[in-house]
Amino acid sequence: MTLRSFRFLADENIHPDVVQWMRSQQIDVISVREQGWTGTSDRFLLETAHQLGRVVVTHDADFGTLTIARGVAFTGVVYLRPGHIQPSFVIQTLQAILDMPLNLTVPFLVVAYRAQERVRVRVRTME
């Protein structure tokens, strides 16, 4: 499946403008902020996203630790680096990876690192 095939849960560190942009692209996304889950644990968010069949979009590396080292069940995680920057930068990064022909199998971890105009992507399938 391509990344566009999935439904998403935007972590609280994903700017509301990014969430709105995703929706403008016909991407099914719910936001931690909108759900009233701000301040809840990453484990709760990962487990809830999995129960809802959603992929977590985040700037937080802790989700990788939970999936790899702790073995928490999950559907997918998209980790965007660097984080906590201008929404336009994050939108451009997301646009680039959504357009990539990634063949993803659940559960998966996608790490996207953007330096200037170049986006590097690592995909790890956790079968």
N, C-alpha and C. Protein backbone atom coordinates (compact mmCIF):
# COMPACT_ATOMS: atom_id res chain seq x y z
N MET A 1 0.84 -1.19 0.00
CA MET A 1 0.00 0.00 0.00
C MET A 1 0.88 1.25 0.00
N THR A 2 0.38 2.29 -0.61
CA THR A 2 1.10 3.56 -0.57
C THR A 2 0.71 4.31 0.70
N LEU A 3 1.49 5.30 1.03
CA LEU A 3 1.23 6.06 2.25
C LEU A 3 -0.13 6.76 2.20
N ARG A 4 -0.54 7.20 1.02
CA ARG A 4 -1.84 7.87 0.86
C ARG A 4 -3.01 6.93 1.15
N SER A 5 -2.78 5.62 1.16
CA SER A 5 -3.84 4.64 1.39
C SER A 5 -4.28 4.57 2.85
N PHE A 6 -3.50 5.14 3.74
CA PHE A 6 -3.74 4.99 5.17
C PHE A 6 -4.51 6.16 5.76
N ARG A 7 -5.09 5.91 6.92
CA ARG A 7 -5.70 6.95 7.74
C ARG A 7 -4.67 7.31 8.81
N PHE A 8 -4.71 8.55 9.30
CA PHE A 8 -3.66 9.05 10.17
C PHE A 8 -4.18 9.62 11.48
N LEU A 9 -3.27 9.61 12.46
CA LEU A 9 -3.45 10.31 13.73
C LEU A 9 -2.27 11.27 13.86
N ALA A 10 -2.55 12.56 13.85
CA ALA A 10 -1.50 13.57 13.98
C ALA A 10 -1.20 13.81 15.46
N ASP A 11 0.04 13.58 15.84
CA ASP A 11 0.49 13.80 17.21
C ASP A 11 0.29 15.27 17.57
N GLU A 12 0.32 15.58 18.86
CA GLU A 12 0.11 16.95 19.30
C GLU A 12 1.19 17.90 18.82
N ASN A 13 2.35 17.37 18.42
CA ASN A 13 3.43 18.24 17.94
C ASN A 13 3.32 18.53 16.44
N ILE A 14 2.29 18.02 15.79
CA ILE A 14 2.03 18.35 14.39
C ILE A 14 1.12 19.58 14.36
N HIS A 15 1.59 20.62 13.72
CA HIS A 15 0.89 21.90 13.71
C HIS A 15 -0.50 21.77 13.07
N PRO A 16 -1.50 22.47 13.61
CA PRO A 16 -2.85 22.42 13.04
C PRO A 16 -2.91 22.77 11.54
N ASP A 17 -2.02 23.64 11.08
CA ASP A 17 -2.00 23.96 9.64
C ASP A 17 -1.62 22.74 8.81
N VAL A 18 -0.76 21.89 9.35
CA VAL A 18 -0.37 20.66 8.65
C VAL A 18 -1.56 19.71 8.58
N VAL A 19 -2.29 19.61 9.68
CA VAL A 19 -3.49 18.76 9.71
C VAL A 19 -4.50 19.26 8.67
N GLN A 20 -4.71 20.57 8.63
CA GLN A 20 -5.65 21.13 7.65
C GLN A 20 -5.19 20.86 6.23
N TRP A 21 -3.90 20.98 5.98
CA TRP A 21 -3.37 20.69 4.65
C TRP A 21 -3.62 19.23 4.28
N MET A 22 -3.39 18.33 5.21
CA MET A 22 -3.63 16.91 4.94
C MET A 22 -5.09 16.71 4.53
N ARG A 23 -5.99 17.33 5.25
CA ARG A 23 -7.42 17.21 4.91
C ARG A 23 -7.72 17.79 3.54
N SER A 24 -7.04 18.87 3.19
CA SER A 24 -7.24 19.47 1.86
C SER A 24 -6.77 18.54 0.75
N GLN A 25 -5.92 17.58 1.10
CA GLN A 25 -5.43 16.58 0.16
C GLN A 25 -6.26 15.30 0.18
N GLN A 26 -7.43 15.37 0.83
CA GLN A 26 -8.35 14.24 0.98
C GLN A 26 -7.72 13.10 1.78
N ILE A 27 -6.88 13.45 2.74
CA ILE A 27 -6.28 12.47 3.63
C ILE A 27 -7.10 12.44 4.91
N ASP A 28 -7.47 11.25 5.32
CA ASP A 28 -8.26 11.05 6.54
C ASP A 28 -7.32 11.17 7.74
N VAL A 29 -7.45 12.26 8.48
CA VAL A 29 -6.56 12.50 9.62
C VAL A 29 -7.37 13.04 10.79
N ILE A 30 -7.09 12.52 11.97
CA ILE A 30 -7.61 13.10 13.19
C ILE A 30 -6.41 13.61 13.98
N SER A 31 -6.68 14.56 14.83
CA SER A 31 -5.61 15.23 15.57
C SER A 31 -5.71 14.95 17.06
N VAL A 32 -4.58 14.69 17.68
CA VAL A 32 -4.52 14.51 19.13
C VAL A 32 -5.14 15.73 19.82
N ARG A 33 -4.81 16.91 19.33
CA ARG A 33 -5.35 18.14 19.93
C ARG A 33 -6.87 18.17 19.85
N GLU A 34 -7.42 17.86 18.68
CA GLU A 34 -8.87 17.91 18.48
C GLU A 34 -9.60 16.84 19.29
N GLN A 35 -8.94 15.73 19.53
CA GLN A 35 -9.55 14.64 20.28
C GLN A 35 -9.49 14.88 21.80
N GLY A 36 -8.73 15.90 22.21
CA GLY A 36 -8.57 16.18 23.64
C GLY A 36 -7.57 15.26 24.32
N TRP A 37 -6.66 14.70 23.54
CA TRP A 37 -5.67 13.77 24.07
C TRP A 37 -4.32 14.41 24.34
N THR A 38 -4.24 15.72 24.29
CA THR A 38 -2.97 16.42 24.54
C THR A 38 -2.46 16.06 25.93
N GLY A 39 -1.19 15.72 26.01
CA GLY A 39 -0.59 15.37 27.30
C GLY A 39 -0.69 13.91 27.65
N THR A 40 -1.39 13.11 26.84
CA THR A 40 -1.46 11.68 27.14
C THR A 40 -0.16 11.01 26.71
N SER A 41 0.07 9.80 27.19
CA SER A 41 1.33 9.12 26.90
C SER A 41 1.41 8.70 25.44
N ASP A 42 2.65 8.61 24.95
CA ASP A 42 2.87 8.14 23.59
C ASP A 42 2.36 6.71 23.42
N ARG A 43 2.50 5.92 24.46
CA ARG A 43 2.01 4.53 24.41
C ARG A 43 0.49 4.51 24.19
N PHE A 44 -0.24 5.35 24.93
CA PHE A 44 -1.69 5.44 24.74
C PHE A 44 -2.02 5.82 23.30
N LEU A 45 -1.31 6.83 22.78
CA LEU A 45 -1.58 7.29 21.42
C LEU A 45 -1.28 6.21 20.39
N LEU A 46 -0.18 5.51 20.57
CA LEU A 46 0.19 4.44 19.64
C LEU A 46 -0.84 3.31 19.68
N GLU A 47 -1.23 2.92 20.87
CA GLU A 47 -2.23 1.84 21.01
C GLU A 47 -3.59 2.27 20.47
N THR A 48 -3.98 3.52 20.74
CA THR A 48 -5.26 4.02 20.26
C THR A 48 -5.27 4.11 18.73
N ALA A 49 -4.18 4.62 18.18
CA ALA A 49 -4.08 4.70 16.72
C ALA A 49 -4.20 3.30 16.11
N HIS A 50 -3.55 2.33 16.73
CA HIS A 50 -3.62 0.95 16.23
C HIS A 50 -5.05 0.42 16.29
N GLN A 51 -5.72 0.65 17.40
CA GLN A 51 -7.12 0.20 17.53
C GLN A 51 -8.01 0.84 16.47
N LEU A 52 -7.69 2.06 16.08
CA LEU A 52 -8.47 2.78 15.08
C LEU A 52 -7.97 2.53 13.65
N GLY A 53 -6.89 1.75 13.53
CA GLY A 53 -6.32 1.47 12.21
C GLY A 53 -5.67 2.69 11.58
N ARG A 54 -5.04 3.52 12.43
CA ARG A 54 -4.42 4.75 11.95
C ARG A 54 -2.90 4.74 12.13
N VAL A 55 -2.24 5.49 11.29
CA VAL A 55 -0.79 5.66 11.31
C VAL A 55 -0.50 6.96 12.06
N VAL A 56 0.41 6.91 13.01
CA VAL A 56 0.80 8.11 13.76
C VAL A 56 1.79 8.93 12.95
N VAL A 57 1.51 10.23 12.83
CA VAL A 57 2.44 11.19 12.21
C VAL A 57 2.98 12.03 13.35
N THR A 58 4.30 12.12 13.46
CA THR A 58 4.90 12.75 14.62
C THR A 58 6.28 13.34 14.33
N HIS A 59 6.72 14.19 15.24
CA HIS A 59 8.10 14.68 15.27
C HIS A 59 8.84 14.04 16.44
N ASP A 60 8.23 13.12 17.12
CA ASP A 60 8.71 12.55 18.37
C ASP A 60 9.36 11.17 18.16
N ALA A 61 10.64 11.06 18.45
CA ALA A 61 11.38 9.81 18.28
C ALA A 61 10.95 8.71 19.24
N ASP A 62 10.24 9.07 20.31
CA ASP A 62 9.81 8.07 21.29
C ASP A 62 8.93 6.99 20.67
N PHE A 63 8.22 7.30 19.61
CA PHE A 63 7.36 6.30 18.97
C PHE A 63 8.19 5.16 18.37
N GLY A 64 9.35 5.49 17.87
CA GLY A 64 10.24 4.45 17.36
C GLY A 64 10.71 3.52 18.47
N THR A 65 11.03 4.09 19.61
CA THR A 65 11.43 3.29 20.77
C THR A 65 10.31 2.36 21.21
N LEU A 66 9.10 2.89 21.26
CA LEU A 66 7.96 2.06 21.68
C LEU A 66 7.71 0.91 20.71
N THR A 67 7.89 1.15 19.43
CA THR A 67 7.61 0.11 18.45
C THR A 67 8.73 -0.92 18.36
N ILE A 68 9.96 -0.47 18.38
CA ILE A 68 11.09 -1.38 18.18
C ILE A 68 11.54 -2.02 19.49
N ALA A 69 11.84 -1.22 20.49
CA ALA A 69 12.41 -1.75 21.73
C ALA A 69 11.37 -2.35 22.67
N ARG A 70 10.18 -1.78 22.68
CA ARG A 70 9.17 -2.23 23.65
C ARG A 70 8.12 -3.13 23.03
N GLY A 71 8.08 -3.22 21.70
CA GLY A 71 7.16 -4.13 21.04
C GLY A 71 5.69 -3.80 21.15
N VAL A 72 5.35 -2.52 21.32
CA VAL A 72 3.95 -2.12 21.39
C VAL A 72 3.32 -2.31 20.01
N ALA A 73 2.14 -2.91 19.96
CA ALA A 73 1.45 -3.13 18.69
C ALA A 73 1.11 -1.79 18.04
N PHE A 74 1.27 -1.73 16.73
CA PHE A 74 0.98 -0.48 16.01
C PHE A 74 0.70 -0.78 14.55
N THR A 75 0.08 0.18 13.89
CA THR A 75 -0.20 0.08 12.46
C THR A 75 0.95 0.66 11.67
N GLY A 76 1.35 1.88 12.04
CA GLY A 76 2.45 2.54 11.36
C GLY A 76 2.79 3.83 12.06
N VAL A 77 4.02 4.28 11.83
CA VAL A 77 4.50 5.56 12.36
C VAL A 77 5.24 6.27 11.23
N VAL A 78 4.92 7.54 11.05
CA VAL A 78 5.68 8.40 10.14
C VAL A 78 6.35 9.45 11.02
N TYR A 79 7.67 9.34 11.09
CA TYR A 79 8.48 10.22 11.93
C TYR A 79 9.14 11.25 11.03
N LEU A 80 8.77 12.52 11.21
CA LEU A 80 9.27 13.61 10.38
C LEU A 80 10.37 14.37 11.09
N ARG A 81 11.53 14.47 10.41
CA ARG A 81 12.68 15.16 10.98
C ARG A 81 13.16 16.21 10.00
N PRO A 82 13.67 17.33 10.42
CA PRO A 82 13.61 17.80 11.79
C PRO A 82 12.19 18.20 12.13
N GLY A 83 11.94 18.31 13.42
CA GLY A 83 10.60 18.62 13.87
C GLY A 83 10.47 20.00 14.47
N HIS A 84 9.26 20.34 14.82
CA HIS A 84 8.94 21.58 15.52
C HIS A 84 9.43 22.81 14.76
N ILE A 85 9.15 22.81 13.47
CA ILE A 85 9.54 23.94 12.63
C ILE A 85 8.32 24.48 11.91
N GLN A 86 8.52 25.36 10.98
CA GLN A 86 7.42 25.99 10.26
C GLN A 86 6.52 24.96 9.58
N PRO A 87 5.20 25.15 9.68
CA PRO A 87 4.27 24.21 9.03
C PRO A 87 4.55 24.03 7.54
N SER A 88 4.93 25.09 6.85
CA SER A 88 5.19 24.96 5.41
C SER A 88 6.32 23.97 5.12
N PHE A 89 7.33 23.94 5.96
CA PHE A 89 8.44 23.00 5.81
C PHE A 89 7.93 21.57 5.98
N VAL A 90 7.11 21.35 7.00
CA VAL A 90 6.57 20.02 7.28
C VAL A 90 5.64 19.59 6.15
N ILE A 91 4.82 20.50 5.64
CA ILE A 91 3.92 20.19 4.54
C ILE A 91 4.71 19.77 3.31
N GLN A 92 5.78 20.47 3.01
CA GLN A 92 6.61 20.10 1.85
C GLN A 92 7.23 18.72 2.03
N THR A 93 7.63 18.40 3.25
CA THR A 93 8.19 17.08 3.53
C THR A 93 7.12 16.01 3.36
N LEU A 94 5.95 16.24 3.93
CA LEU A 94 4.85 15.29 3.78
C LEU A 94 4.45 15.11 2.33
N GLN A 95 4.38 16.21 1.59
CA GLN A 95 4.04 16.12 0.16
C GLN A 95 5.02 15.22 -0.57
N ALA A 96 6.30 15.39 -0.26
CA ALA A 96 7.33 14.58 -0.93
C ALA A 96 7.16 13.10 -0.62
N ILE A 97 6.92 12.74 0.63
CA ILE A 97 6.83 11.31 0.95
C ILE A 97 5.50 10.71 0.53
N LEU A 98 4.44 11.52 0.52
CA LEU A 98 3.15 11.01 0.04
C LEU A 98 3.19 10.71 -1.45
N ASP A 99 4.05 11.42 -2.18
CA ASP A 99 4.19 11.20 -3.62
C ASP A 99 5.15 10.08 -3.97
N MET A 100 5.90 9.58 -2.99
CA MET A 100 6.85 8.50 -3.26
C MET A 100 6.11 7.17 -3.43
N PRO A 101 6.62 6.33 -4.32
CA PRO A 101 5.98 5.02 -4.53
C PRO A 101 6.40 3.99 -3.47
N LEU A 102 6.11 4.28 -2.23
CA LEU A 102 6.47 3.38 -1.14
C LEU A 102 5.46 2.23 -1.11
N ASN A 103 5.95 1.02 -1.03
CA ASN A 103 5.08 -0.15 -0.93
C ASN A 103 5.13 -0.60 0.53
N LEU A 104 4.15 -0.19 1.30
CA LEU A 104 4.17 -0.39 2.74
C LEU A 104 3.32 -1.57 3.17
N THR A 105 3.86 -2.32 4.12
CA THR A 105 3.14 -3.44 4.73
C THR A 105 3.06 -3.16 6.23
N VAL A 106 1.88 -3.28 6.77
CA VAL A 106 1.64 -3.04 8.20
C VAL A 106 2.25 -4.17 9.02
N PRO A 107 2.87 -3.85 10.13
CA PRO A 107 3.20 -2.53 10.67
C PRO A 107 4.49 -1.99 10.07
N PHE A 108 4.60 -0.68 9.99
CA PHE A 108 5.78 -0.07 9.38
C PHE A 108 6.18 1.20 10.12
N LEU A 109 7.43 1.55 9.93
CA LEU A 109 8.00 2.78 10.46
C LEU A 109 8.65 3.50 9.29
N VAL A 110 8.22 4.73 9.03
CA VAL A 110 8.81 5.56 7.98
C VAL A 110 9.49 6.74 8.67
N VAL A 111 10.76 6.92 8.37
CA VAL A 111 11.50 8.07 8.88
C VAL A 111 11.85 8.94 7.68
N ALA A 112 11.38 10.18 7.72
CA ALA A 112 11.65 11.12 6.64
C ALA A 112 12.49 12.27 7.19
N TYR A 113 13.65 12.45 6.60
CA TYR A 113 14.55 13.51 7.03
C TYR A 113 14.72 14.49 5.87
N ARG A 114 14.43 15.74 6.13
CA ARG A 114 14.55 16.75 5.08
C ARG A 114 15.68 17.70 5.40
N ALA A 115 16.56 17.86 4.43
CA ALA A 115 17.64 18.84 4.51
C ALA A 115 17.52 19.72 3.27
N GLN A 116 17.20 20.97 3.47
CA GLN A 116 16.93 21.92 2.39
C GLN A 116 15.81 21.35 1.52
N GLU A 117 16.07 21.04 0.26
CA GLU A 117 15.00 20.54 -0.62
C GLU A 117 15.02 19.03 -0.78
N ARG A 118 15.97 18.36 -0.19
CA ARG A 118 16.11 16.91 -0.35
C ARG A 118 15.46 16.18 0.83
N VAL A 119 14.66 15.15 0.51
CA VAL A 119 14.02 14.34 1.53
C VAL A 119 14.56 12.92 1.41
N ARG A 120 15.14 12.44 2.51
CA ARG A 120 15.62 11.06 2.57
C ARG A 120 14.61 10.26 3.38
N VAL A 121 14.34 9.04 2.94
CA VAL A 121 13.35 8.21 3.60
C VAL A 121 13.93 6.85 3.90
N ARG A 122 13.66 6.39 5.13
CA ARG A 122 13.96 5.01 5.52
C ARG A 122 12.65 4.35 5.89
N VAL A 123 12.47 3.13 5.42
CA VAL A 123 11.26 2.38 5.73
C VAL A 123 11.68 1.10 6.42
N ARG A 124 11.01 0.81 7.51
CA ARG A 124 11.26 -0.44 8.22
C ARG A 124 9.91 -1.12 8.44
N THR A 125 9.82 -2.33 7.94
CA THR A 125 8.62 -3.13 8.14
C THR A 125 8.87 -4.05 9.32
N MET A 126 7.93 -4.12 10.21
CA MET A 126 8.11 -4.86 11.46
C MET A 126 7.30 -6.16 11.45
N GLU A 127 7.51 -6.99 10.47
CA GLU A 127 6.73 -8.23 10.37
C GLU A 127 7.13 -9.26 11.37
